[in-house]
Amino acid sequence: MARKISDACISCGSCASTCPVGAISEGDAHYEINADTCIDCGACESGCPVSAISEA
């Protein structure tokens, strides 16, 4: 199951740069994870400075 980015996201882009499959992109309100591309590795979660990413 893909990870999810909450509204706590500050749109810093740290998660996108740590994603090995490029599943994260900038959305309208904050960064978003493409569930079809996400391999659920957790790299983005550990790279988020505000803990805005969690398991969906």
Protein backbone atom coordinates (compact mmCIF):
# COMPACT_ATOMS: atom_id res chain seq x y z
CA MET A 1 0.00 0.00 0.00
CA ALA A 2 1.30 3.45 -0.88
CA ARG A 3 2.31 6.05 1.68
CA LYS A 4 0.25 9.21 2.16
CA ILE A 5 1.32 12.84 2.61
CA SER A 6 -0.78 14.82 5.10
CA ASP A 7 -1.68 18.50 5.17
CA ALA A 8 1.31 19.00 7.50
CA CYS A 9 3.48 18.99 4.35
CA ILE A 10 5.50 22.20 3.96
CA SER A 11 6.26 21.53 0.26
CA CYS A 12 10.03 21.45 0.79
CA GLY A 13 10.54 18.64 -1.77
CA SER A 14 12.73 16.47 0.46
CA CYS A 15 10.46 13.49 -0.08
CA ALA A 16 10.53 13.79 -3.86
CA SER A 17 14.31 13.81 -3.94
CA THR A 18 14.51 10.64 -1.81
CA CYS A 19 11.93 8.59 -3.75
CA PRO A 20 13.79 5.92 -5.79
CA VAL A 21 10.93 5.49 -8.28
CA GLY A 22 9.84 9.10 -8.79
CA ALA A 23 6.37 8.55 -7.31
CA ILE A 24 6.20 11.97 -5.62
CA SER A 25 5.34 15.24 -7.31
CA GLU A 26 4.20 18.71 -6.33
CA GLY A 27 0.42 18.97 -6.06
CA ASP A 28 -1.88 21.96 -5.68
CA ALA A 29 -1.76 22.14 -1.87
CA HIS A 30 1.29 19.98 -1.08
CA TYR A 31 3.36 17.14 -2.49
CA GLU A 32 1.48 13.99 -3.50
CA ILE A 33 2.37 10.32 -3.88
CA ASN A 34 1.25 8.41 -6.96
CA ALA A 35 -0.12 5.18 -5.48
CA ASP A 36 0.34 3.31 -8.76
CA THR A 37 4.08 4.06 -8.81
CA CYS A 38 4.90 3.91 -5.08
CA ILE A 39 6.75 0.75 -3.99
CA ASP A 40 6.15 1.46 -0.26
CA CYS A 41 9.85 1.49 0.60
CA GLY A 42 9.56 4.24 3.22
CA ALA A 43 12.45 6.37 1.95
CA CYS A 44 10.19 9.40 1.68
CA GLU A 45 8.89 8.99 5.23
CA SER A 46 12.36 9.05 6.74
CA GLY A 47 13.32 12.01 4.53
CA CYS A 48 10.43 14.25 5.62
CA PRO A 49 11.54 16.93 8.12
CA VAL A 50 8.01 17.47 9.49
CA SER A 51 6.83 13.83 9.63
CA ALA A 52 4.00 14.51 7.17
CA ILE A 53 4.24 11.07 5.52
CA SER A 54 2.75 7.89 6.91
CA GLU A 55 1.41 4.56 5.80
CA ALA A 56 -1.98 4.98 4.15
